[in-house]
Amino acid sequence: MLTKPPLHSDLQSARAAHAPPHVDVARFRTDLREAGVEEIIGTLLQTFVEDAPARFAALEQAVKEGNANAVESAAHAFKSGAGTIRATLLAEGLGQAEATGRAGNLESMTGLLEGIRREYLAVVSELKATPQK
């Protein structure tokens, strides 16, 4: 018996179902539990979601202005929050942006900024869709 090949959207859904999360909320929760403050997880994640647009905008503006010091500073501040909540890929991208700003070599920032934008939007979307009790 012949079967119908899966649709492209079915493949994307299957991939998405098996993709690792953009934020390791379980690890973050464990870290908070070990520190005795697990009950604040919702507040911390909500604060990240609320602050992230301004953090990204500051980085984007620094890149637009070609200001390497501002790129380094904005990336560092955003990286700290992303790392805290265990948004590892976002933190890694921001770490690269921070190093790029520190080196004063902003030629690669356009492509790097687009990757950071995609990951930041994915993190925020995931956090908005995940209950944080």
N, C-alpha and C. Protein backbone atom coordinates (compact mmCIF):
# COMPACT_ATOMS: atom_id res chain seq x y z
N MET A 1 0.84 -1.18 0.00
CA MET A 1 0.00 0.00 0.00
C MET A 1 0.89 1.24 0.00
N LEU A 2 0.58 2.18 -0.85
CA LEU A 2 1.33 3.43 -0.93
C LEU A 2 0.78 4.42 0.08
N THR A 3 1.68 5.14 0.70
CA THR A 3 1.24 6.19 1.63
C THR A 3 1.59 7.54 1.05
N LYS A 4 0.82 8.50 1.45
CA LYS A 4 1.04 9.87 1.01
C LYS A 4 2.27 10.44 1.70
N PRO A 5 3.14 11.13 0.96
CA PRO A 5 4.29 11.76 1.63
C PRO A 5 3.81 12.86 2.57
N PRO A 6 4.55 13.08 3.64
CA PRO A 6 4.12 14.12 4.58
C PRO A 6 4.19 15.49 3.94
N LEU A 7 3.28 16.35 4.32
CA LEU A 7 3.30 17.73 3.85
C LEU A 7 4.45 18.47 4.51
N HIS A 8 4.91 19.53 3.85
CA HIS A 8 6.00 20.34 4.40
C HIS A 8 5.64 20.86 5.79
N SER A 9 4.40 21.31 5.98
CA SER A 9 3.98 21.83 7.29
C SER A 9 3.99 20.72 8.34
N ASP A 10 3.67 19.48 7.94
CA ASP A 10 3.73 18.36 8.87
C ASP A 10 5.16 18.11 9.32
N LEU A 11 6.10 18.23 8.40
CA LEU A 11 7.50 18.04 8.74
C LEU A 11 7.98 19.13 9.69
N GLN A 12 7.56 20.36 9.42
CA GLN A 12 7.94 21.47 10.30
C GLN A 12 7.37 21.27 11.70
N SER A 13 6.13 20.81 11.78
CA SER A 13 5.51 20.57 13.08
C SER A 13 6.24 19.47 13.82
N ALA A 14 6.60 18.42 13.11
CA ALA A 14 7.33 17.31 13.74
C ALA A 14 8.69 17.78 14.24
N ARG A 15 9.39 18.58 13.43
CA ARG A 15 10.69 19.11 13.85
C ARG A 15 10.54 20.00 15.08
N ALA A 16 9.52 20.85 15.05
CA ALA A 16 9.30 21.77 16.16
C ALA A 16 8.98 21.00 17.44
N ALA A 17 8.25 19.89 17.32
CA ALA A 17 7.90 19.11 18.49
C ALA A 17 9.13 18.48 19.14
N HIS A 18 10.17 18.24 18.35
CA HIS A 18 11.38 17.61 18.86
C HIS A 18 12.53 18.59 19.08
N ALA A 19 12.31 19.83 18.74
CA ALA A 19 13.37 20.84 18.90
C ALA A 19 13.54 21.15 20.38
N PRO A 20 14.78 21.37 20.80
CA PRO A 20 14.98 21.75 22.21
C PRO A 20 14.37 23.13 22.45
N PRO A 21 13.98 23.39 23.69
CA PRO A 21 13.40 24.71 23.98
C PRO A 21 14.45 25.80 23.87
N HIS A 22 13.99 27.00 23.61
CA HIS A 22 14.88 28.15 23.53
C HIS A 22 15.30 28.62 24.92
N VAL A 23 14.51 28.26 25.92
CA VAL A 23 14.81 28.59 27.31
C VAL A 23 14.71 27.30 28.13
N ASP A 24 15.73 27.00 28.90
CA ASP A 24 15.70 25.82 29.76
C ASP A 24 15.05 26.20 31.09
N VAL A 25 13.72 26.31 31.06
CA VAL A 25 12.96 26.74 32.23
C VAL A 25 13.15 25.75 33.37
N ALA A 26 13.22 24.46 33.06
CA ALA A 26 13.39 23.45 34.11
C ALA A 26 14.70 23.67 34.87
N ARG A 27 15.76 23.94 34.13
CA ARG A 27 17.06 24.19 34.79
C ARG A 27 17.01 25.48 35.60
N PHE A 28 16.39 26.51 35.04
CA PHE A 28 16.27 27.78 35.75
C PHE A 28 15.47 27.57 37.05
N ARG A 29 14.37 26.82 36.95
CA ARG A 29 13.55 26.53 38.12
C ARG A 29 14.38 25.79 39.18
N THR A 30 15.16 24.82 38.77
CA THR A 30 16.02 24.07 39.69
C THR A 30 17.02 25.00 40.37
N ASP A 31 17.63 25.88 39.58
CA ASP A 31 18.59 26.84 40.16
C ASP A 31 17.92 27.70 41.23
N LEU A 32 16.71 28.16 40.93
CA LEU A 32 15.98 29.00 41.88
C LEU A 32 15.58 28.19 43.11
N ARG A 33 15.15 26.94 42.90
CA ARG A 33 14.77 26.09 44.02
C ARG A 33 15.97 25.88 44.95
N GLU A 34 17.13 25.61 44.36
CA GLU A 34 18.34 25.40 45.16
C GLU A 34 18.72 26.66 45.94
N ALA A 35 18.37 27.82 45.40
CA ALA A 35 18.65 29.08 46.10
C ALA A 35 17.54 29.43 47.09
N GLY A 36 16.46 28.62 47.10
CA GLY A 36 15.36 28.86 48.03
C GLY A 36 14.39 29.93 47.58
N VAL A 37 14.39 30.26 46.27
CA VAL A 37 13.52 31.34 45.79
C VAL A 37 12.72 30.93 44.54
N GLU A 38 12.37 29.66 44.45
CA GLU A 38 11.67 29.16 43.26
C GLU A 38 10.39 29.93 42.96
N GLU A 39 9.73 30.45 43.99
CA GLU A 39 8.45 31.12 43.81
C GLU A 39 8.54 32.39 42.96
N ILE A 40 9.74 32.91 42.73
CA ILE A 40 9.86 34.15 41.95
C ILE A 40 10.08 33.89 40.45
N ILE A 41 10.03 32.64 40.04
CA ILE A 41 10.32 32.33 38.63
C ILE A 41 9.40 33.09 37.68
N GLY A 42 8.11 33.13 37.97
CA GLY A 42 7.17 33.83 37.09
C GLY A 42 7.51 35.30 36.95
N THR A 43 7.84 35.93 38.05
CA THR A 43 8.20 37.35 38.04
C THR A 43 9.46 37.59 37.22
N LEU A 44 10.46 36.75 37.41
CA LEU A 44 11.72 36.92 36.68
C LEU A 44 11.53 36.73 35.18
N LEU A 45 10.78 35.70 34.80
CA LEU A 45 10.56 35.46 33.37
C LEU A 45 9.70 36.55 32.75
N GLN A 46 8.70 37.02 33.48
CA GLN A 46 7.86 38.11 32.98
C GLN A 46 8.68 39.39 32.81
N THR A 47 9.56 39.65 33.75
CA THR A 47 10.43 40.82 33.66
C THR A 47 11.32 40.73 32.42
N PHE A 48 11.85 39.54 32.15
CA PHE A 48 12.67 39.37 30.95
C PHE A 48 11.84 39.67 29.70
N VAL A 49 10.63 39.12 29.62
CA VAL A 49 9.76 39.34 28.45
C VAL A 49 9.47 40.83 28.28
N GLU A 50 9.24 41.53 29.37
CA GLU A 50 8.94 42.97 29.29
C GLU A 50 10.16 43.80 28.93
N ASP A 51 11.34 43.40 29.42
CA ASP A 51 12.56 44.17 29.18
C ASP A 51 13.23 43.87 27.83
N ALA A 52 13.02 42.69 27.32
CA ALA A 52 13.75 42.25 26.12
C ALA A 52 13.58 43.18 24.91
N PRO A 53 12.38 43.69 24.61
CA PRO A 53 12.27 44.57 23.45
C PRO A 53 13.17 45.82 23.55
N ALA A 54 13.22 46.43 24.72
CA ALA A 54 14.07 47.61 24.89
C ALA A 54 15.55 47.24 24.82
N ARG A 55 15.89 46.09 25.37
CA ARG A 55 17.29 45.62 25.32
C ARG A 55 17.73 45.39 23.88
N PHE A 56 16.84 44.73 23.11
CA PHE A 56 17.18 44.49 21.71
C PHE A 56 17.24 45.80 20.94
N ALA A 57 16.31 46.70 21.19
CA ALA A 57 16.29 48.00 20.50
C ALA A 57 17.57 48.78 20.76
N ALA A 58 18.08 48.72 22.00
CA ALA A 58 19.33 49.42 22.32
C ALA A 58 20.49 48.83 21.53
N LEU A 59 20.53 47.50 21.42
CA LEU A 59 21.58 46.85 20.63
C LEU A 59 21.45 47.22 19.16
N GLU A 60 20.25 47.17 18.65
CA GLU A 60 20.00 47.50 17.24
C GLU A 60 20.40 48.95 16.94
N GLN A 61 20.07 49.86 17.83
CA GLN A 61 20.42 51.28 17.65
C GLN A 61 21.94 51.46 17.66
N ALA A 62 22.62 50.78 18.57
CA ALA A 62 24.08 50.88 18.65
C ALA A 62 24.72 50.38 17.36
N VAL A 63 24.18 49.30 16.81
CA VAL A 63 24.70 48.78 15.53
C VAL A 63 24.44 49.78 14.42
N LYS A 64 23.23 50.32 14.39
CA LYS A 64 22.86 51.30 13.35
C LYS A 64 23.79 52.51 13.39
N GLU A 65 24.13 52.95 14.60
CA GLU A 65 25.02 54.11 14.76
C GLU A 65 26.48 53.76 14.55
N GLY A 66 26.80 52.47 14.50
CA GLY A 66 28.19 52.06 14.35
C GLY A 66 29.03 52.34 15.59
N ASN A 67 28.39 52.34 16.75
CA ASN A 67 29.04 52.66 18.00
C ASN A 67 29.46 51.36 18.69
N ALA A 68 30.73 51.00 18.56
CA ALA A 68 31.23 49.73 19.08
C ALA A 68 31.10 49.64 20.60
N ASN A 69 31.39 50.73 21.31
CA ASN A 69 31.26 50.71 22.77
C ASN A 69 29.82 50.48 23.19
N ALA A 70 28.88 51.11 22.51
CA ALA A 70 27.47 50.93 22.83
C ALA A 70 27.01 49.52 22.47
N VAL A 71 27.54 48.94 21.38
CA VAL A 71 27.22 47.56 21.02
C VAL A 71 27.68 46.64 22.15
N GLU A 72 28.92 46.82 22.58
CA GLU A 72 29.46 45.99 23.66
C GLU A 72 28.60 46.09 24.92
N SER A 73 28.26 47.30 25.30
CA SER A 73 27.49 47.53 26.52
C SER A 73 26.07 46.96 26.42
N ALA A 74 25.39 47.23 25.31
CA ALA A 74 24.02 46.74 25.13
C ALA A 74 23.98 45.21 25.07
N ALA A 75 24.93 44.63 24.36
CA ALA A 75 24.98 43.17 24.24
C ALA A 75 25.25 42.54 25.61
N HIS A 76 26.16 43.15 26.38
CA HIS A 76 26.49 42.62 27.70
C HIS A 76 25.27 42.63 28.62
N ALA A 77 24.56 43.74 28.65
CA ALA A 77 23.39 43.85 29.52
C ALA A 77 22.31 42.84 29.14
N PHE A 78 22.06 42.68 27.85
CA PHE A 78 21.04 41.74 27.37
C PHE A 78 21.50 40.31 27.62
N LYS A 79 22.80 40.06 27.42
CA LYS A 79 23.37 38.72 27.63
C LYS A 79 23.19 38.27 29.07
N SER A 80 23.37 39.18 29.99
CA SER A 80 23.24 38.83 31.41
C SER A 80 21.84 38.30 31.72
N GLY A 81 20.83 39.00 31.25
CA GLY A 81 19.45 38.55 31.48
C GLY A 81 19.16 37.23 30.78
N ALA A 82 19.61 37.09 29.55
CA ALA A 82 19.37 35.85 28.79
C ALA A 82 20.06 34.67 29.47
N GLY A 83 21.27 34.88 29.93
CA GLY A 83 22.00 33.81 30.61
C GLY A 83 21.33 33.43 31.92
N THR A 84 20.85 34.41 32.64
CA THR A 84 20.20 34.15 33.92
C THR A 84 19.01 33.23 33.76
N ILE A 85 18.17 33.47 32.76
CA ILE A 85 16.97 32.65 32.59
C ILE A 85 17.25 31.37 31.80
N ARG A 86 18.49 31.16 31.42
CA ARG A 86 18.94 29.96 30.69
C ARG A 86 18.46 29.94 29.24
N ALA A 87 18.47 31.12 28.61
CA ALA A 87 18.24 31.23 27.16
C ALA A 87 19.63 31.17 26.52
N THR A 88 20.18 29.97 26.46
CA THR A 88 21.59 29.75 26.15
C THR A 88 21.99 30.24 24.75
N LEU A 89 21.22 29.90 23.73
CA LEU A 89 21.59 30.31 22.37
C LEU A 89 21.57 31.83 22.24
N LEU A 90 20.57 32.46 22.84
CA LEU A 90 20.50 33.92 22.81
C LEU A 90 21.70 34.51 23.53
N ALA A 91 22.02 33.99 24.70
CA ALA A 91 23.18 34.49 25.46
C ALA A 91 24.47 34.32 24.67
N GLU A 92 24.60 33.19 23.97
CA GLU A 92 25.82 32.97 23.17
C GLU A 92 25.92 33.98 22.03
N GLY A 93 24.81 34.24 21.34
CA GLY A 93 24.82 35.23 20.27
C GLY A 93 25.16 36.62 20.79
N LEU A 94 24.60 36.94 21.95
CA LEU A 94 24.89 38.24 22.55
C LEU A 94 26.34 38.33 23.02
N GLY A 95 26.89 37.20 23.45
CA GLY A 95 28.30 37.17 23.81
C GLY A 95 29.19 37.45 22.61
N GLN A 96 28.80 36.92 21.45
CA GLN A 96 29.54 37.21 20.22
C GLN A 96 29.42 38.68 19.86
N ALA A 97 28.23 39.24 20.02
CA ALA A 97 28.04 40.67 19.74
C ALA A 97 28.88 41.52 20.69
N GLU A 98 28.92 41.13 21.95
CA GLU A 98 29.71 41.86 22.93
C GLU A 98 31.20 41.84 22.54
N ALA A 99 31.69 40.68 22.16
CA ALA A 99 33.10 40.55 21.75
C ALA A 99 33.37 41.35 20.48
N THR A 100 32.42 41.37 19.57
CA THR A 100 32.56 42.13 18.33
C THR A 100 32.65 43.62 18.65
N GLY A 101 31.80 44.08 19.55
CA GLY A 101 31.86 45.49 19.96
C GLY A 101 33.16 45.82 20.65
N ARG A 102 33.61 44.93 21.53
CA ARG A 102 34.87 45.14 22.25
C ARG A 102 36.04 45.24 21.27
N ALA A 103 36.00 44.43 20.21
CA ALA A 103 37.07 44.43 19.20
C ALA A 103 36.95 45.62 18.26
N GLY A 104 35.79 46.29 18.28
CA GLY A 104 35.60 47.44 17.41
C GLY A 104 35.41 47.08 15.95
N ASN A 105 35.11 45.83 15.68
CA ASN A 105 34.96 45.34 14.31
C ASN A 105 33.49 45.02 14.08
N LEU A 106 32.72 46.00 13.64
CA LEU A 106 31.27 45.84 13.53
C LEU A 106 30.79 45.34 12.16
N GLU A 107 31.73 45.01 11.26
CA GLU A 107 31.31 44.57 9.93
C GLU A 107 30.42 43.33 9.97
N SER A 108 30.65 42.43 10.91
CA SER A 108 29.88 41.19 10.99
C SER A 108 28.58 41.36 11.78
N MET A 109 28.33 42.53 12.32
CA MET A 109 27.18 42.70 13.20
C MET A 109 25.83 42.60 12.50
N THR A 110 25.74 42.93 11.23
CA THR A 110 24.44 42.88 10.56
C THR A 110 23.89 41.46 10.57
N GLY A 111 24.69 40.50 10.14
CA GLY A 111 24.25 39.11 10.15
C GLY A 111 24.05 38.59 11.55
N LEU A 112 24.95 38.95 12.44
CA LEU A 112 24.85 38.52 13.83
C LEU A 112 23.59 39.08 14.48
N LEU A 113 23.28 40.33 14.19
CA LEU A 113 22.09 40.96 14.75
C LEU A 113 20.82 40.26 14.29
N GLU A 114 20.78 39.82 13.05
CA GLU A 114 19.59 39.11 12.55
C GLU A 114 19.41 37.78 13.27
N GLY A 115 20.49 37.07 13.52
CA GLY A 115 20.41 35.82 14.28
C GLY A 115 19.94 36.06 15.71
N ILE A 116 20.45 37.13 16.32
CA ILE A 116 20.04 37.49 17.67
C ILE A 116 18.55 37.85 17.68
N ARG A 117 18.11 38.60 16.67
CA ARG A 117 16.69 38.97 16.57
C ARG A 117 15.80 37.73 16.50
N ARG A 118 16.16 36.78 15.65
CA ARG A 118 15.36 35.56 15.53
C ARG A 118 15.29 34.80 16.86
N GLU A 119 16.43 34.67 17.51
CA GLU A 119 16.47 33.92 18.76
C GLU A 119 15.73 34.66 19.88
N TYR A 120 15.90 35.97 19.93
CA TYR A 120 15.21 36.77 20.95
C TYR A 120 13.70 36.65 20.78
N LEU A 121 13.23 36.74 19.55
CA LEU A 121 11.79 36.61 19.30
C LEU A 121 11.29 35.21 19.65
N ALA A 122 12.08 34.19 19.36
CA ALA A 122 11.71 32.82 19.70
C ALA A 122 11.65 32.63 21.22
N VAL A 123 12.61 33.20 21.94
CA VAL A 123 12.63 33.10 23.40
C VAL A 123 11.39 33.77 23.98
N VAL A 124 11.11 34.97 23.55
CA VAL A 124 9.94 35.70 24.08
C VAL A 124 8.65 34.96 23.76
N SER A 125 8.54 34.48 22.53
CA SER A 125 7.35 33.73 22.13
C SER A 125 7.18 32.48 22.99
N GLU A 126 8.27 31.76 23.20
CA GLU A 126 8.22 30.55 24.02
C GLU A 126 7.81 30.88 25.45
N LEU A 127 8.37 31.92 26.01
CA LEU A 127 8.04 32.29 27.39
C LEU A 127 6.58 32.72 27.52
N LYS A 128 6.08 33.42 26.53
CA LYS A 128 4.67 33.84 26.58
C LYS A 128 3.73 32.64 26.50
N ALA A 129 4.16 31.56 25.84
CA ALA A 129 3.32 30.38 25.66
C ALA A 129 3.47 29.35 26.78
N THR A 130 4.42 29.58 27.69
CA THR A 130 4.70 28.59 28.73
C THR A 130 4.19 29.08 30.07
N PRO A 131 3.32 28.30 30.73
CA PRO A 131 2.89 28.70 32.07
C PRO A 131 4.07 28.70 33.03
N GLN A 132 4.16 29.69 33.89
CA GLN A 132 5.35 29.86 34.75
C GLN A 132 5.02 29.69 36.22
N LYS A 133 4.19 28.77 36.59
CA LYS A 133 3.87 28.58 38.01
C LYS A 133 5.00 27.98 38.76
